[in-house]
Amino acid sequence: MGKVRFNVSMSLDGYMAGPHQSERDPLGLGGLDLHSWLFALERRQDADGEEGGIVNASTRVARELESGYGAVVMGRNMFGPIRGPWNVEWRGWWGEDPPWHTPVYVLTHHQREPLEMDGGTTFYFVTDGIASALERARASAGEEDVLIGGGASVIQQYLASGLIDEFWVSIVPILLGSGERLFDNVGSSITLELIEVVEAPEVTHLKVAVK
């Protein structure tokens, strides 16, 4: 069985998304700047069909973050800005070929039929909580890891329940002032161990184990 992990970019004041998240600004105001280090990489731009980009210490980290998992769990807010009963016309932020190419389990209070997309991604909508979603994700992932995709509330629930094995947090030297904090509602009883530090242009990556 693989690990349960997550990876996020975080501002110096502790936010993984900015304020006023919306369909126009899914990461909130200023939130996209948290990922500028990733967008600049050569391998990322090649995947998007663009030329150019750079190779630096973040390249290896990005390769690790984007591989090795066989299923994803995410919250409803990460899948889309809709509240209440589903608008089935909404198929996610990512177009017809989302980037995961695995089963994705979306936590929600409202039932919806599975949504099969191009490239091997199928969204399954789970209404009976984080433990059920993780159990289903583990069954799908087999020996590979399960990635907890976010957002902040979902990561916090899995951390507080002791269900996370390790994570990467990429600290970006910007201040967002408000938004979604990564470590709210987690408490202080979790013991963490710093495994690795990778310094790179405009970002410092920390790999942390949850003991």
C-alpha atoms as a PDB file:
ATOM      1  CA  MET A   1       0.000   0.000   0.000  1.00  0.00           C
ATOM      2  CA  GLY A   2       1.300   3.434  -0.914  1.00  0.00           C
ATOM      3  CA  LYS A   3       1.406   6.578   1.186  1.00  0.00           C
ATOM      4  CA  VAL A   4      -1.275   9.200   1.682  1.00  0.00           C
ATOM      5  CA  ARG A   5       0.232  12.562   0.820  1.00  0.00           C
ATOM      6  CA  PHE A   6      -0.444  16.078  -0.340  1.00  0.00           C
ATOM      7  CA  ASN A   7       1.532  18.926  -1.823  1.00  0.00           C
ATOM      8  CA  VAL A   8       0.733  22.621  -1.716  1.00  0.00           C
ATOM      9  CA  SER A   9       2.309  25.995  -2.349  1.00  0.00           C
ATOM     10  CA  MET A  10       1.944  28.372   0.586  1.00  0.00           C
ATOM     11  CA  SER A  11       2.559  32.076   1.143  1.00  0.00           C
ATOM     12  CA  LEU A  12       4.851  33.304   3.897  1.00  0.00           C
ATOM     13  CA  ASP A  13       1.776  34.214   5.948  1.00  0.00           C
ATOM     14  CA  GLY A  14       0.411  30.686   5.690  1.00  0.00           C
ATOM     15  CA  TYR A  15      -2.206  30.791   2.922  1.00  0.00           C
ATOM     16  CA  MET A  16      -2.614  28.220   0.145  1.00  0.00           C
ATOM     17  CA  ALA A  17      -5.322  30.272  -1.591  1.00  0.00           C
ATOM     18  CA  GLY A  18      -6.129  33.960  -1.607  1.00  0.00           C
ATOM     19  CA  PRO A  19      -9.398  35.698  -0.720  1.00  0.00           C
ATOM     20  CA  HIS A  20     -12.549  35.819  -2.885  1.00  0.00           C
ATOM     21  CA  GLN A  21     -12.280  32.467  -4.661  1.00  0.00           C
ATOM     22  CA  SER A  22     -14.600  32.335  -7.659  1.00  0.00           C
ATOM     23  CA  GLU A  23     -14.984  30.773 -11.088  1.00  0.00           C
ATOM     24  CA  ARG A  24     -12.831  33.593 -12.440  1.00  0.00           C
ATOM     25  CA  ASP A  25     -10.224  33.259  -9.649  1.00  0.00           C
ATOM     26  CA  PRO A  26     -10.304  29.637  -8.424  1.00  0.00           C
ATOM     27  CA  LEU A  27      -7.256  30.216  -6.201  1.00  0.00           C
ATOM     28  CA  GLY A  28      -8.531  33.576  -4.959  1.00  0.00           C
ATOM     29  CA  LEU A  29      -6.984  36.971  -5.510  1.00  0.00           C
ATOM     30  CA  GLY A  30      -3.224  36.572  -5.770  1.00  0.00           C
ATOM     31  CA  GLY A  31      -3.406  32.808  -5.330  1.00  0.00           C
ATOM     32  CA  LEU A  32      -2.079  32.026  -8.799  1.00  0.00           C
ATOM     33  CA  ASP A  33       1.210  33.689  -7.820  1.00  0.00           C
ATOM     34  CA  LEU A  34       1.830  30.825  -5.407  1.00  0.00           C
ATOM     35  CA  HIS A  35       2.479  28.571  -8.405  1.00  0.00           C
ATOM     36  CA  SER A  36       4.608  30.844 -10.595  1.00  0.00           C
ATOM     37  CA  TRP A  37       7.691  28.758  -9.734  1.00  0.00           C
ATOM     38  CA  LEU A  38       5.950  25.695 -11.233  1.00  0.00           C
ATOM     39  CA  PHE A  39       4.613  27.434 -14.337  1.00  0.00           C
ATOM     40  CA  ALA A  40       8.139  28.634 -15.180  1.00  0.00           C
ATOM     41  CA  LEU A  41       9.652  25.154 -15.364  1.00  0.00           C
ATOM     42  CA  GLU A  42      10.623  23.660 -18.711  1.00  0.00           C
ATOM     43  CA  ARG A  43       8.871  20.321 -18.111  1.00  0.00           C
ATOM     44  CA  ARG A  44       5.627  22.079 -17.134  1.00  0.00           C
ATOM     45  CA  GLN A  45       5.632  24.293 -20.197  1.00  0.00           C
ATOM     46  CA  ASP A  46       6.386  21.301 -22.438  1.00  0.00           C
ATOM     47  CA  ALA A  47       3.325  19.528 -20.990  1.00  0.00           C
ATOM     48  CA  ASP A  48       1.225  22.551 -21.891  1.00  0.00           C
ATOM     49  CA  GLY A  49       2.528  22.545 -25.450  1.00  0.00           C
ATOM     50  CA  GLU A  50       4.691  25.625 -24.995  1.00  0.00           C
ATOM     51  CA  GLU A  51       8.355  26.136 -25.705  1.00  0.00           C
ATOM     52  CA  GLY A  52      11.005  27.492 -23.373  1.00  0.00           C
ATOM     53  CA  GLY A  53      11.000  27.402 -19.590  1.00  0.00           C
ATOM     54  CA  ILE A  54      13.794  26.767 -17.153  1.00  0.00           C
ATOM     55  CA  VAL A  55      15.412  23.879 -15.315  1.00  0.00           C
ATOM     56  CA  ASN A  56      16.430  24.423 -11.701  1.00  0.00           C
ATOM     57  CA  ALA A  57      16.233  22.764  -8.281  1.00  0.00           C
ATOM     58  CA  SER A  58      12.421  22.808  -8.442  1.00  0.00           C
ATOM     59  CA  THR A  59      12.409  20.519 -11.486  1.00  0.00           C
ATOM     60  CA  ARG A  60      13.082  17.377  -9.472  1.00  0.00           C
ATOM     61  CA  VAL A  61      10.514  18.372  -6.848  1.00  0.00           C
ATOM     62  CA  ALA A  62       7.858  18.976  -9.510  1.00  0.00           C
ATOM     63  CA  ARG A  63       8.575  15.575 -11.039  1.00  0.00           C
ATOM     64  CA  GLU A  64       8.028  13.915  -7.656  1.00  0.00           C
ATOM     65  CA  LEU A  65       4.856  15.891  -6.936  1.00  0.00           C
ATOM     66  CA  GLU A  66       3.267  14.971 -10.255  1.00  0.00           C
ATOM     67  CA  SER A  67       3.972  11.233 -10.247  1.00  0.00           C
ATOM     68  CA  GLY A  68       3.639   8.120  -8.121  1.00  0.00           C
ATOM     69  CA  TYR A  69      -0.031   8.356  -7.189  1.00  0.00           C
ATOM     70  CA  GLY A  70      -2.860   6.151  -8.368  1.00  0.00           C
ATOM     71  CA  ALA A  71      -5.893   8.042  -7.058  1.00  0.00           C
ATOM     72  CA  VAL A  72      -6.841  11.529  -5.839  1.00  0.00           C
ATOM     73  CA  VAL A  73      -9.214  12.838  -3.172  1.00  0.00           C
ATOM     74  CA  MET A  74     -10.443  16.427  -3.338  1.00  0.00           C
ATOM     75  CA  GLY A  75     -13.132  18.624  -1.851  1.00  0.00           C
ATOM     76  CA  ARG A  76     -16.115  19.968  -3.685  1.00  0.00           C
ATOM     77  CA  ASN A  77     -14.754  23.510  -3.692  1.00  0.00           C
ATOM     78  CA  MET A  78     -11.641  22.343  -5.521  1.00  0.00           C
ATOM     79  CA  PHE A  79     -13.793  20.659  -8.152  1.00  0.00           C
ATOM     80  CA  GLY A  80     -15.862  23.799  -8.683  1.00  0.00           C
ATOM     81  CA  PRO A  81     -17.538  26.859  -7.149  1.00  0.00           C
ATOM     82  CA  ILE A  82     -21.045  25.363  -7.162  1.00  0.00           C
ATOM     83  CA  ARG A  83     -23.023  25.042  -3.916  1.00  0.00           C
ATOM     84  CA  GLY A  84     -26.140  23.031  -3.184  1.00  0.00           C
ATOM     85  CA  PRO A  85     -27.457  20.500  -5.719  1.00  0.00           C
ATOM     86  CA  TRP A  86     -25.164  19.885  -8.667  1.00  0.00           C
ATOM     87  CA  ASN A  87     -25.328  21.695 -11.953  1.00  0.00           C
ATOM     88  CA  VAL A  88     -24.299  18.739 -14.105  1.00  0.00           C
ATOM     89  CA  GLU A  89     -23.131  21.085 -16.851  1.00  0.00           C
ATOM     90  CA  TRP A  90     -20.126  21.901 -14.629  1.00  0.00           C
ATOM     91  CA  ARG A  91     -17.323  19.443 -15.405  1.00  0.00           C
ATOM     92  CA  GLY A  92     -14.457  20.965 -13.406  1.00  0.00           C
ATOM     93  CA  TRP A  93     -11.861  23.666 -13.980  1.00  0.00           C
ATOM     94  CA  TRP A  94      -9.556  21.627 -16.209  1.00  0.00           C
ATOM     95  CA  GLY A  95     -11.327  21.009 -19.509  1.00  0.00           C
ATOM     96  CA  GLU A  96     -12.042  17.599 -20.972  1.00  0.00           C
ATOM     97  CA  ASP A  97      -8.618  16.131 -20.134  1.00  0.00           C
ATOM     98  CA  PRO A  98      -7.885  16.835 -16.432  1.00  0.00           C
ATOM     99  CA  PRO A  99      -4.270  16.414 -15.322  1.00  0.00           C
ATOM    100  CA  TRP A 100      -4.597  13.410 -12.972  1.00  0.00           C
ATOM    101  CA  HIS A 101      -5.357  10.494 -15.350  1.00  0.00           C
ATOM    102  CA  THR A 102      -6.556   8.446 -12.358  1.00  0.00           C
ATOM    103  CA  PRO A 103      -9.792   8.030 -10.397  1.00  0.00           C
ATOM    104  CA  VAL A 104     -10.613  11.215  -8.448  1.00  0.00           C
ATOM    105  CA  TYR A 105     -12.931  11.065  -5.427  1.00  0.00           C
ATOM    106  CA  VAL A 106     -14.777  14.327  -4.767  1.00  0.00           C
ATOM    107  CA  LEU A 107     -16.166  14.894  -1.260  1.00  0.00           C
ATOM    108  CA  THR A 108     -19.672  16.354  -1.359  1.00  0.00           C
ATOM    109  CA  HIS A 109     -23.045  16.337   0.407  1.00  0.00           C
ATOM    110  CA  HIS A 110     -24.954  15.987  -2.864  1.00  0.00           C
ATOM    111  CA  GLN A 111     -25.084  12.865  -4.989  1.00  0.00           C
ATOM    112  CA  ARG A 112     -23.944  12.896  -8.583  1.00  0.00           C
ATOM    113  CA  GLU A 113     -23.246  10.151 -11.100  1.00  0.00           C
ATOM    114  CA  PRO A 114     -19.573   9.449 -11.941  1.00  0.00           C
ATOM    115  CA  LEU A 115     -18.109  11.743 -14.566  1.00  0.00           C
ATOM    116  CA  GLU A 116     -15.739  10.087 -17.027  1.00  0.00           C
ATOM    117  CA  MET A 117     -13.285  12.422 -18.740  1.00  0.00           C
ATOM    118  CA  ASP A 118     -10.609  12.051 -21.402  1.00  0.00           C
ATOM    119  CA  GLY A 119      -7.166  10.734 -20.492  1.00  0.00           C
ATOM    120  CA  GLY A 120      -8.235   8.246 -17.824  1.00  0.00           C
ATOM    121  CA  THR A 121      -9.643  10.652 -15.218  1.00  0.00           C
ATOM    122  CA  THR A 122     -13.028   9.705 -13.761  1.00  0.00           C
ATOM    123  CA  PHE A 123     -14.616  11.788 -11.013  1.00  0.00           C
ATOM    124  CA  TYR A 124     -16.557   9.864  -8.355  1.00  0.00           C
ATOM    125  CA  PHE A 125     -18.700  11.848  -5.940  1.00  0.00           C
ATOM    126  CA  VAL A 126     -18.526  10.595  -2.346  1.00  0.00           C
ATOM    127  CA  THR A 127     -21.226  11.587   0.148  1.00  0.00           C
ATOM    128  CA  ASP A 128     -20.237   9.503   3.195  1.00  0.00           C
ATOM    129  CA  GLY A 129     -17.111  11.263   4.437  1.00  0.00           C
ATOM    130  CA  ILE A 130     -13.337  11.372   4.298  1.00  0.00           C
ATOM    131  CA  ALA A 131     -12.731   7.809   5.534  1.00  0.00           C
ATOM    132  CA  SER A 132     -14.945   6.331   2.822  1.00  0.00           C
ATOM    133  CA  ALA A 133     -13.298   8.457   0.131  1.00  0.00           C
ATOM    134  CA  LEU A 134      -9.838   7.384   1.285  1.00  0.00           C
ATOM    135  CA  GLU A 135     -10.822   3.720   1.415  1.00  0.00           C
ATOM    136  CA  ARG A 136     -12.085   3.870  -2.153  1.00  0.00           C
ATOM    137  CA  ALA A 137      -9.016   5.821  -3.287  1.00  0.00           C
ATOM    138  CA  ARG A 138      -6.661   3.281  -1.711  1.00  0.00           C
ATOM    139  CA  ALA A 139      -8.467   0.443  -3.456  1.00  0.00           C
ATOM    140  CA  SER A 140      -8.055   2.252  -6.786  1.00  0.00           C
ATOM    141  CA  ALA A 141      -4.417   3.210  -6.176  1.00  0.00           C
ATOM    142  CA  GLY A 142      -3.206  -0.276  -5.262  1.00  0.00           C
ATOM    143  CA  GLU A 143       0.519  -0.032  -4.443  1.00  0.00           C
ATOM    144  CA  GLU A 144       0.720   3.603  -5.520  1.00  0.00           C
ATOM    145  CA  ASP A 145       0.139   6.663  -3.327  1.00  0.00           C
ATOM    146  CA  VAL A 146      -3.121   8.473  -2.726  1.00  0.00           C
ATOM    147  CA  LEU A 147      -2.886  12.222  -3.337  1.00  0.00           C
ATOM    148  CA  ILE A 148      -5.068  14.502  -1.224  1.00  0.00           C
ATOM    149  CA  GLY A 149      -5.582  17.263  -3.745  1.00  0.00           C
ATOM    150  CA  GLY A 150      -7.197  19.882  -1.497  1.00  0.00           C
ATOM    151  CA  GLY A 151      -8.505  22.361  -0.808  1.00  0.00           C
ATOM    152  CA  ALA A 152      -7.454  23.528   2.638  1.00  0.00           C
ATOM    153  CA  SER A 153     -10.467  22.190   4.536  1.00  0.00           C
ATOM    154  CA  VAL A 154     -10.048  18.677   3.133  1.00  0.00           C
ATOM    155  CA  ILE A 155      -6.309  18.598   3.902  1.00  0.00           C
ATOM    156  CA  GLN A 156      -7.016  19.819   7.441  1.00  0.00           C
ATOM    157  CA  GLN A 157      -9.576  17.060   8.010  1.00  0.00           C
ATOM    158  CA  TYR A 158      -7.165  14.351   6.893  1.00  0.00           C
ATOM    159  CA  LEU A 159      -4.316  15.816   8.970  1.00  0.00           C
ATOM    160  CA  ALA A 160      -6.469  16.126  12.094  1.00  0.00           C
ATOM    161  CA  SER A 161      -7.627  12.514  11.645  1.00  0.00           C
ATOM    162  CA  GLY A 162      -4.051  11.217  11.457  1.00  0.00           C
ATOM    163  CA  LEU A 163      -4.483   9.926   7.910  1.00  0.00           C
ATOM    164  CA  ILE A 164      -1.599  11.771   6.205  1.00  0.00           C
ATOM    165  CA  ASP A 165       1.829  10.128   5.904  1.00  0.00           C
ATOM    166  CA  GLU A 166       3.852  12.956   4.378  1.00  0.00           C
ATOM    167  CA  PHE A 167       3.623  16.178   2.396  1.00  0.00           C
ATOM    168  CA  TRP A 168       5.551  18.761   0.436  1.00  0.00           C
ATOM    169  CA  VAL A 169       4.904  22.420   1.218  1.00  0.00           C
ATOM    170  CA  SER A 170       6.472  24.927  -1.168  1.00  0.00           C
ATOM    171  CA  ILE A 171       6.916  28.280   0.568  1.00  0.00           C
ATOM    172  CA  VAL A 172       6.705  31.281  -1.736  1.00  0.00           C
ATOM    173  CA  PRO A 173       7.895  34.746  -0.569  1.00  0.00           C
ATOM    174  CA  ILE A 174       4.603  36.585  -1.011  1.00  0.00           C
ATOM    175  CA  LEU A 175       1.953  37.767   1.446  1.00  0.00           C
ATOM    176  CA  LEU A 176      -1.719  37.186   0.675  1.00  0.00           C
ATOM    177  CA  GLY A 177      -3.166  38.706   3.859  1.00  0.00           C
ATOM    178  CA  SER A 178      -6.258  36.500   3.914  1.00  0.00           C
ATOM    179  CA  GLY A 179      -7.770  33.473   2.222  1.00  0.00           C
ATOM    180  CA  GLU A 180      -7.457  29.755   2.994  1.00  0.00           C
ATOM    181  CA  ARG A 181      -4.816  28.870   5.581  1.00  0.00           C
ATOM    182  CA  LEU A 182      -3.170  25.490   5.311  1.00  0.00           C
ATOM    183  CA  PHE A 183      -2.819  24.584   8.992  1.00  0.00           C
ATOM    184  CA  ASP A 184      -5.954  26.019  10.591  1.00  0.00           C
ATOM    185  CA  ASN A 185      -8.170  23.577  12.518  1.00  0.00           C
ATOM    186  CA  VAL A 186      -5.423  20.954  12.799  1.00  0.00           C
ATOM    187  CA  GLY A 187      -4.395  21.385  16.438  1.00  0.00           C
ATOM    188  CA  SER A 188      -0.963  20.955  17.990  1.00  0.00           C
ATOM    189  CA  SER A 189      -0.904  17.223  18.750  1.00  0.00           C
ATOM    190  CA  ILE A 190       0.521  16.158  15.370  1.00  0.00           C
ATOM    191  CA  THR A 191       4.242  15.378  15.382  1.00  0.00           C
ATOM    192  CA  LEU A 192       6.113  16.347  12.226  1.00  0.00           C
ATOM    193  CA  GLU A 193       9.582  15.446  10.983  1.00  0.00           C
ATOM    194  CA  LEU A 194      11.446  17.489   8.391  1.00  0.00           C
ATOM    195  CA  ILE A 195      12.820  15.077   5.788  1.00  0.00           C
ATOM    196  CA  GLU A 196      14.256  17.364   3.129  1.00  0.00           C
ATOM    197  CA  VAL A 197      14.727  21.028   2.230  1.00  0.00           C
ATOM    198  CA  VAL A 198      15.188  22.117  -1.381  1.00  0.00           C
ATOM    199  CA  GLU A 199      16.126  25.747  -2.022  1.00  0.00           C
ATOM    200  CA  ALA A 200      15.198  27.048  -5.465  1.00  0.00           C
ATOM    201  CA  PRO A 201      14.610  30.412  -7.150  1.00  0.00           C
ATOM    202  CA  GLU A 202      11.534  32.131  -5.684  1.00  0.00           C
ATOM    203  CA  VAL A 203      10.540  29.117  -3.555  1.00  0.00           C
ATOM    204  CA  THR A 204      11.740  26.816  -0.784  1.00  0.00           C
ATOM    205  CA  HIS A 205      10.376  23.262  -0.740  1.00  0.00           C
ATOM    206  CA  LEU A 206       9.968  21.372   2.545  1.00  0.00           C
ATOM    207  CA  LYS A 207       9.275  17.625   2.611  1.00  0.00           C
ATOM    208  CA  VAL A 208       7.666  16.662   5.915  1.00  0.00           C
ATOM    209  CA  ALA A 209       6.655  13.310   7.430  1.00  0.00           C
ATOM    210  CA  VAL A 210       3.742  12.983   9.822  1.00  0.00           C
ATOM    211  CA  LYS A 211       4.835  10.670  12.638  1.00  0.00           C
END
